[in-house]
């Protein structure tokens, strides 16, 4: 049985190491976003951010399924 304090009110998933290693691309995408948008206004940065996330397969729609396939507990 899970401790009641763990992930209270949130779904909990079991994830193998391989998908977690792919999360590194998210970190690299955010590094690129910071570097490429640091001097841009928010309106100008928005398409740059979307392009970087898409090209690096870092949009939630591109990676979330990898991490949410094996539920351990429901919300």
N, C-alpha and C. Protein backbone atom coordinates (compact mmCIF):
# COMPACT_ATOMS: atom_id res chain seq x y z
N UNK A 1 0.85 -1.18 0.00
CA UNK A 1 0.00 0.00 0.00
C UNK A 1 0.89 1.24 0.00
N UNK A 2 0.48 2.24 -0.76
CA UNK A 2 1.24 3.48 -0.85
C UNK A 2 1.01 4.36 0.36
N UNK A 3 2.03 5.06 0.75
CA UNK A 3 1.93 6.05 1.81
C UNK A 3 0.95 7.12 1.38
N UNK A 4 0.03 7.50 2.21
CA UNK A 4 -0.99 8.51 1.89
C UNK A 4 -0.37 9.86 1.54
N UNK A 5 0.85 10.13 1.99
CA UNK A 5 1.49 11.41 1.72
C UNK A 5 2.12 11.49 0.33
N UNK A 6 2.25 10.37 -0.35
CA UNK A 6 2.89 10.34 -1.66
C UNK A 6 1.85 10.64 -2.73
N UNK A 7 2.11 11.67 -3.53
CA UNK A 7 1.28 12.03 -4.68
C UNK A 7 -0.19 12.19 -4.29
N UNK A 8 -0.45 12.75 -3.15
CA UNK A 8 -1.82 12.95 -2.70
C UNK A 8 -2.57 13.82 -3.70
N UNK A 9 -3.68 13.31 -4.20
CA UNK A 9 -4.50 14.06 -5.13
C UNK A 9 -3.98 14.07 -6.55
N UNK A 10 -2.91 13.35 -6.83
CA UNK A 10 -2.33 13.30 -8.18
C UNK A 10 -2.17 11.85 -8.60
N UNK A 11 -2.31 11.58 -9.90
CA UNK A 11 -2.02 10.21 -10.35
C UNK A 11 -0.54 9.89 -10.16
N UNK A 12 -0.23 8.65 -9.95
CA UNK A 12 1.14 8.21 -9.75
C UNK A 12 1.44 7.13 -10.79
N UNK A 13 2.61 7.22 -11.46
CA UNK A 13 2.96 6.28 -12.51
C UNK A 13 4.31 5.66 -12.24
N UNK A 14 4.47 4.41 -12.66
CA UNK A 14 5.74 3.71 -12.61
C UNK A 14 6.39 3.89 -13.98
N UNK A 15 7.63 4.37 -14.00
CA UNK A 15 8.31 4.66 -15.26
C UNK A 15 9.66 3.96 -15.27
N UNK A 16 9.94 3.27 -16.38
CA UNK A 16 11.23 2.61 -16.56
C UNK A 16 12.33 3.66 -16.79
N UNK A 17 13.57 3.28 -16.61
CA UNK A 17 14.67 4.24 -16.78
C UNK A 17 14.78 4.82 -18.20
N UNK A 18 14.49 4.04 -19.22
CA UNK A 18 14.68 4.50 -20.59
C UNK A 18 13.86 5.76 -20.90
N UNK A 19 12.57 5.80 -20.63
CA UNK A 19 11.83 7.03 -20.89
C UNK A 19 12.35 8.22 -20.08
N UNK A 20 12.80 7.95 -18.87
CA UNK A 20 13.33 9.04 -18.06
C UNK A 20 14.60 9.62 -18.67
N UNK A 21 15.39 8.78 -19.31
CA UNK A 21 16.59 9.28 -19.98
C UNK A 21 16.21 10.22 -21.12
N UNK A 22 15.08 9.99 -21.73
CA UNK A 22 14.63 10.86 -22.82
C UNK A 22 14.21 12.23 -22.31
N UNK A 23 13.94 12.33 -21.04
CA UNK A 23 13.57 13.62 -20.46
C UNK A 23 14.74 14.61 -20.58
N UNK A 24 15.92 14.10 -20.77
CA UNK A 24 17.08 14.98 -20.96
C UNK A 24 16.87 15.91 -22.14
N UNK A 25 16.12 15.48 -23.15
CA UNK A 25 15.85 16.37 -24.29
C UNK A 25 15.01 17.56 -23.86
N UNK A 26 14.20 17.40 -22.83
CA UNK A 26 13.44 18.53 -22.31
C UNK A 26 14.36 19.57 -21.70
N UNK A 27 15.35 19.09 -20.96
CA UNK A 27 16.30 20.02 -20.35
C UNK A 27 17.10 20.75 -21.42
N UNK A 28 17.51 20.02 -22.45
CA UNK A 28 18.25 20.65 -23.54
C UNK A 28 17.39 21.68 -24.27
N UNK A 29 16.11 21.37 -24.43
CA UNK A 29 15.20 22.31 -25.09
C UNK A 29 15.08 23.59 -24.27
N UNK A 30 14.95 23.46 -22.96
CA UNK A 30 14.82 24.67 -22.13
C UNK A 30 16.11 25.48 -22.13
N UNK A 31 17.26 24.81 -22.19
CA UNK A 31 18.52 25.55 -22.32
C UNK A 31 18.54 26.35 -23.61
N UNK A 32 18.10 25.73 -24.71
CA UNK A 32 18.06 26.42 -26.00
C UNK A 32 17.06 27.58 -25.97
N UNK A 33 15.93 27.36 -25.32
CA UNK A 33 14.92 28.42 -25.21
C UNK A 33 15.49 29.61 -24.46
N UNK A 34 16.13 29.35 -23.35
CA UNK A 34 16.72 30.46 -22.58
C UNK A 34 17.74 31.22 -23.41
N UNK A 35 18.58 30.49 -24.14
CA UNK A 35 19.63 31.13 -24.93
C UNK A 35 19.05 31.94 -26.10
N UNK A 36 18.03 31.40 -26.75
CA UNK A 36 17.51 32.04 -27.96
C UNK A 36 16.44 33.09 -27.72
N UNK A 37 15.89 33.15 -26.53
CA UNK A 37 14.80 34.11 -26.29
C UNK A 37 15.12 35.13 -25.20
N UNK A 38 16.31 35.09 -24.67
CA UNK A 38 16.62 35.96 -23.53
C UNK A 38 16.43 37.45 -23.83
N UNK A 39 16.58 37.85 -25.07
CA UNK A 39 16.47 39.27 -25.41
C UNK A 39 15.21 39.57 -26.23
N UNK A 40 14.30 38.61 -26.30
CA UNK A 40 13.07 38.80 -27.08
C UNK A 40 11.91 39.19 -26.19
N UNK A 41 11.00 39.96 -26.75
CA UNK A 41 9.74 40.26 -26.07
C UNK A 41 8.90 38.98 -26.06
N UNK A 42 8.00 38.82 -25.10
CA UNK A 42 7.19 37.60 -25.03
C UNK A 42 6.49 37.26 -26.35
N UNK A 43 5.93 38.23 -27.01
CA UNK A 43 5.23 37.95 -28.27
C UNK A 43 6.19 37.44 -29.34
N UNK A 44 7.41 37.93 -29.35
CA UNK A 44 8.40 37.48 -30.32
C UNK A 44 8.99 36.12 -29.93
N UNK A 45 9.04 35.85 -28.63
CA UNK A 45 9.62 34.60 -28.15
C UNK A 45 8.68 33.41 -28.36
N UNK A 46 7.39 33.65 -28.34
CA UNK A 46 6.40 32.56 -28.40
C UNK A 46 6.64 31.61 -29.59
N UNK A 47 6.78 32.09 -30.84
CA UNK A 47 7.00 31.15 -31.94
C UNK A 47 8.36 30.46 -31.87
N UNK A 48 9.35 31.12 -31.30
CA UNK A 48 10.67 30.52 -31.14
C UNK A 48 10.58 29.36 -30.16
N UNK A 49 9.89 29.57 -29.06
CA UNK A 49 9.71 28.52 -28.05
C UNK A 49 8.97 27.33 -28.66
N UNK A 50 7.89 27.58 -29.35
CA UNK A 50 7.11 26.49 -29.96
C UNK A 50 7.96 25.71 -30.96
N UNK A 51 8.76 26.41 -31.75
CA UNK A 51 9.60 25.74 -32.74
C UNK A 51 10.66 24.87 -32.07
N UNK A 52 11.30 25.39 -31.05
CA UNK A 52 12.34 24.63 -30.33
C UNK A 52 11.73 23.38 -29.69
N UNK A 53 10.61 23.55 -29.00
CA UNK A 53 9.98 22.40 -28.33
C UNK A 53 9.56 21.33 -29.35
N UNK A 54 9.02 21.76 -30.46
CA UNK A 54 8.58 20.82 -31.48
C UNK A 54 9.76 20.08 -32.10
N UNK A 55 10.78 20.81 -32.50
CA UNK A 55 11.94 20.19 -33.14
C UNK A 55 12.68 19.23 -32.23
N UNK A 56 12.67 19.50 -30.94
CA UNK A 56 13.38 18.65 -29.99
C UNK A 56 12.49 17.58 -29.36
N UNK A 57 11.28 17.41 -29.93
CA UNK A 57 10.33 16.42 -29.41
C UNK A 57 10.08 16.64 -27.93
N UNK A 58 9.91 17.90 -27.55
CA UNK A 58 9.76 18.25 -26.14
C UNK A 58 8.39 18.82 -25.80
N UNK A 59 7.46 18.76 -26.75
CA UNK A 59 6.09 19.18 -26.43
C UNK A 59 5.43 18.08 -25.59
N UNK A 60 4.62 18.46 -24.62
CA UNK A 60 3.96 17.43 -23.80
C UNK A 60 3.25 16.37 -24.64
N UNK A 61 2.66 16.76 -25.75
CA UNK A 61 1.97 15.78 -26.60
C UNK A 61 2.94 14.79 -27.22
N UNK A 62 4.23 15.12 -27.24
CA UNK A 62 5.23 14.25 -27.84
C UNK A 62 5.90 13.32 -26.82
N UNK A 63 5.79 13.61 -25.53
CA UNK A 63 6.48 12.76 -24.56
C UNK A 63 5.64 12.29 -23.38
N UNK A 64 4.53 12.92 -23.13
CA UNK A 64 3.75 12.58 -21.93
C UNK A 64 3.30 11.11 -21.91
N UNK A 65 2.94 10.58 -23.05
CA UNK A 65 2.49 9.18 -23.10
C UNK A 65 3.58 8.21 -22.65
N UNK A 66 4.84 8.56 -22.87
CA UNK A 66 5.94 7.70 -22.42
C UNK A 66 5.97 7.54 -20.91
N UNK A 67 5.51 8.56 -20.20
CA UNK A 67 5.61 8.56 -18.75
C UNK A 67 4.32 8.19 -18.04
N UNK A 68 3.25 8.00 -18.77
CA UNK A 68 1.95 7.77 -18.13
C UNK A 68 1.28 6.48 -18.61
N UNK A 69 2.06 5.47 -18.95
CA UNK A 69 1.48 4.24 -19.44
C UNK A 69 1.24 3.20 -18.34
N UNK A 70 1.92 3.31 -17.21
CA UNK A 70 1.79 2.30 -16.16
C UNK A 70 1.34 2.95 -14.85
N UNK A 71 0.03 3.18 -14.70
CA UNK A 71 -0.44 3.81 -13.46
C UNK A 71 -0.22 2.90 -12.25
N UNK A 72 0.15 3.52 -11.16
CA UNK A 72 0.32 2.82 -9.89
C UNK A 72 -0.86 3.16 -8.99
N UNK A 73 -1.28 4.42 -9.05
CA UNK A 73 -2.41 4.86 -8.22
C UNK A 73 -3.15 5.96 -8.96
N UNK A 74 -4.45 6.01 -8.80
CA UNK A 74 -5.26 7.05 -9.40
C UNK A 74 -5.30 8.26 -8.47
N UNK A 75 -5.75 9.37 -9.05
CA UNK A 75 -5.85 10.61 -8.25
C UNK A 75 -6.90 10.47 -7.19
